[in-house]
Protein backbone atom coordinates (compact mmCIF):
# COMPACT_ATOMS: atom_id res chain seq x y z
CA MET A 1 0.05 0.01 -0.01
CA GLU A 2 1.42 3.39 -0.98
CA GLU A 3 1.46 6.38 1.20
CA LEU A 4 -0.93 9.26 0.41
CA SER A 5 0.19 12.68 1.52
CA GLY A 6 2.35 15.51 0.02
CA PRO A 7 0.36 17.94 -2.10
CA LEU A 8 -2.84 16.17 -1.22
CA GLY A 9 -2.50 16.77 2.40
CA ALA A 10 0.49 18.14 4.30
CA PRO A 11 3.33 18.16 5.45
CA ALA A 12 3.70 21.71 6.35
CA LYS A 13 6.50 23.51 8.25
CA GLY A 14 5.73 26.41 10.45
CA ASP A 15 2.52 27.69 11.85
CA VAL A 16 -0.67 26.28 10.29
CA THR A 17 -4.11 27.50 11.02
CA GLY A 18 -7.00 25.18 11.92
CA ALA A 19 -8.66 25.93 8.57
CA GLU A 20 -5.48 25.09 6.62
CA ALA A 21 -5.03 21.81 8.56
CA ARG A 22 -8.68 20.78 8.12
CA ALA A 23 -8.42 21.54 4.33
CA SER A 24 -5.32 19.31 4.07
CA ALA A 25 -7.12 16.47 5.99
CA ARG A 26 -10.18 16.90 3.71
CA ARG A 27 -7.98 16.53 0.64
CA VAL A 28 -6.62 13.25 1.92
CA LEU A 29 -10.06 12.03 3.06
CA ASP A 30 -11.53 12.91 -0.31
CA ARG A 31 -9.11 10.50 -2.13
CA LEU A 32 -9.84 7.51 -0.06
CA LYS A 33 -11.88 4.70 -1.65
CA PRO A 34 -14.33 3.51 -0.41
CA PRO A 35 -15.13 6.84 1.20
CA VAL A 36 -14.76 7.27 4.98
CA SER A 37 -18.11 7.43 6.74
CA ALA A 38 -19.38 10.99 7.57
CA GLU A 39 -19.18 10.28 11.27
CA ARG A 40 -15.52 9.10 11.01
CA ARG A 41 -14.70 12.07 8.79
CA GLU A 42 -15.97 14.36 11.46
CA ASP A 43 -13.94 12.51 14.04
CA VAL A 44 -10.81 13.11 11.98
CA LEU A 45 -11.62 16.84 11.33
CA SER A 46 -12.40 17.34 15.00
CA VAL A 47 -9.16 15.89 16.09
CA VAL A 48 -7.19 17.96 13.57
CA SER A 49 -8.94 21.11 14.84
CA GLU A 50 -8.18 20.15 18.45
CA LEU A 51 -4.47 19.33 17.95
CA ILE A 52 -3.84 22.56 15.99
CA ALA A 53 -5.73 24.68 18.60
CA ASN A 54 -3.84 23.05 21.42
CA ALA A 55 -0.46 23.59 19.72
CA ARG A 56 -1.31 27.27 19.10
CA LEU A 57 -2.78 27.89 22.51
CA HIS A 58 -0.54 25.79 24.81
CA GLY A 59 2.42 24.79 22.76
CA GLY A 60 3.92 27.96 21.54
CA GLY A 61 2.62 27.55 17.93
CA VAL A 62 2.60 24.77 15.33
CA THR A 63 6.07 23.91 14.08
CA ASP A 64 5.05 20.96 11.72
CA PHE A 65 1.82 19.44 10.47
CA ASP A 66 1.33 16.29 8.57
CA VAL A 67 -1.76 14.19 7.60
CA ARG A 68 -1.23 11.05 5.55
CA PHE A 69 -2.79 7.65 4.76
CA HIS A 70 -0.45 4.70 5.12
CA LEU A 71 -1.01 0.95 5.56
CA GLY A 72 -4.72 1.32 6.34
CA ALA A 73 -4.46 4.17 8.76
CA LEU A 74 -4.87 7.92 8.53
CA VAL A 75 -2.13 9.54 10.65
CA VAL A 76 -2.32 13.10 11.84
CA GLU A 77 0.80 14.67 13.39
CA VAL A 78 1.17 18.13 14.98
CA SER A 79 4.46 19.35 16.41
CA ASP A 80 4.85 22.42 18.70
CA ARG A 81 7.54 24.15 20.75
CA SER A 82 6.38 22.90 24.28
CA PRO A 83 8.15 20.03 26.07
CA CYS A 84 5.05 19.55 28.23
CA ALA A 85 2.73 16.58 27.66
CA PRO A 86 -0.92 17.07 26.98
CA ARG A 87 -2.90 16.46 30.12
CA THR A 88 -6.38 15.19 30.76
CA SER A 89 -8.16 17.60 33.13
CA PRO A 90 -10.74 16.43 35.61
CA TRP A 91 -14.18 16.14 34.18
CA MET A 92 -15.93 19.36 34.85
CA PRO A 93 -18.70 19.77 32.23
CA ALA A 94 -19.89 23.29 33.58
CA GLN A 95 -16.42 24.71 33.23
CA PRO A 96 -15.14 25.75 29.73
CA GLY A 97 -11.96 24.16 28.42
CA GLY A 98 -9.93 21.21 29.48
CA PHE A 99 -11.52 18.63 27.10
CA GLY A 100 -9.11 18.57 24.23
CA TRP A 101 -6.77 15.69 25.10
CA ARG A 102 -9.68 13.62 26.39
CA LEU A 103 -11.50 14.31 23.03
CA VAL A 104 -8.41 13.34 20.96
CA LYS A 105 -7.98 10.07 22.94
CA GLN A 106 -11.67 9.17 22.63
CA LEU A 107 -12.01 9.85 18.79
CA ALA A 108 -8.69 8.55 17.51
CA ASP A 109 -7.90 4.88 17.63
CA ARG A 110 -4.46 5.66 19.02
CA ALA A 111 -2.99 8.87 20.41
CA HIS A 112 0.56 9.34 21.65
CA VAL A 113 3.28 11.97 22.10
CA ARG A 114 6.96 11.90 21.04
CA PHE A 115 9.28 14.38 22.69
CA HIS A 116 12.26 15.81 20.80
CA ASP A 117 14.65 18.76 20.83
CA GLY A 118 12.53 21.84 20.45
CA GLY A 119 9.22 20.41 21.70
CA LYS A 120 6.93 17.45 20.98
CA THR A 121 4.82 15.86 18.24
CA VAL A 122 1.39 14.57 19.01
CA ASN A 123 0.18 11.64 16.82
CA ALA A 124 -3.44 10.59 16.33
CA THR A 125 -4.05 7.54 14.28
CA PHE A 126 -7.33 6.37 12.69
CA PHE A 127 -7.44 2.80 11.48
CA LEU A 128 -9.46 2.75 8.29
CA GLY A 129 -8.65 -0.36 6.49
CA PRO A 130 -6.21 -1.52 3.74
CA SER A 131 -8.26 -0.90 0.63
CA ARG A 132 -8.82 2.83 0.66
CA PHE A 133 -5.96 4.22 -1.42
CA PRO A 134 -7.10 4.41 -5.14
CA ARG A 135 -4.67 2.47 -7.29
CA PRO A 136 -3.79 3.77 -10.70
CA ALA A 137 -5.17 1.75 -13.62
CA THR A 138 -2.51 -0.63 -14.90
CA GLY A 139 -4.33 -1.66 -18.11
CA MET A 140 -4.24 -5.32 -16.96
CA PRO A 141 -7.49 -7.32 -16.41
């Protein structure tokens, strides 16, 4: 299975807005065959929004962004300048904020953080199945 990213999605260096990141994710999602369900698509776009917002609000800004399809999974990665791990705040529905990392962990099939010089990269993976990348026609029956 080939990887699907590049001009169809990201990667992007430097600060990326939520709208730009969602547009990149949509371009990758739009190429997948069979199409991703509307609910799963919204999960991906919600996680992209949340990771970008958290990097901009708590992480000193986005330093890298990537969204790609590889080996049956859609992978979203957002890097920022902060060496601090995302944290799950106590559940307090009446108080605004504090739901982001909990939301990412609930919607993505896997979420983890890699720390590196200059900050961290948050990875959210959505397992979608192996047959979604449209293969070019080979002319063979």
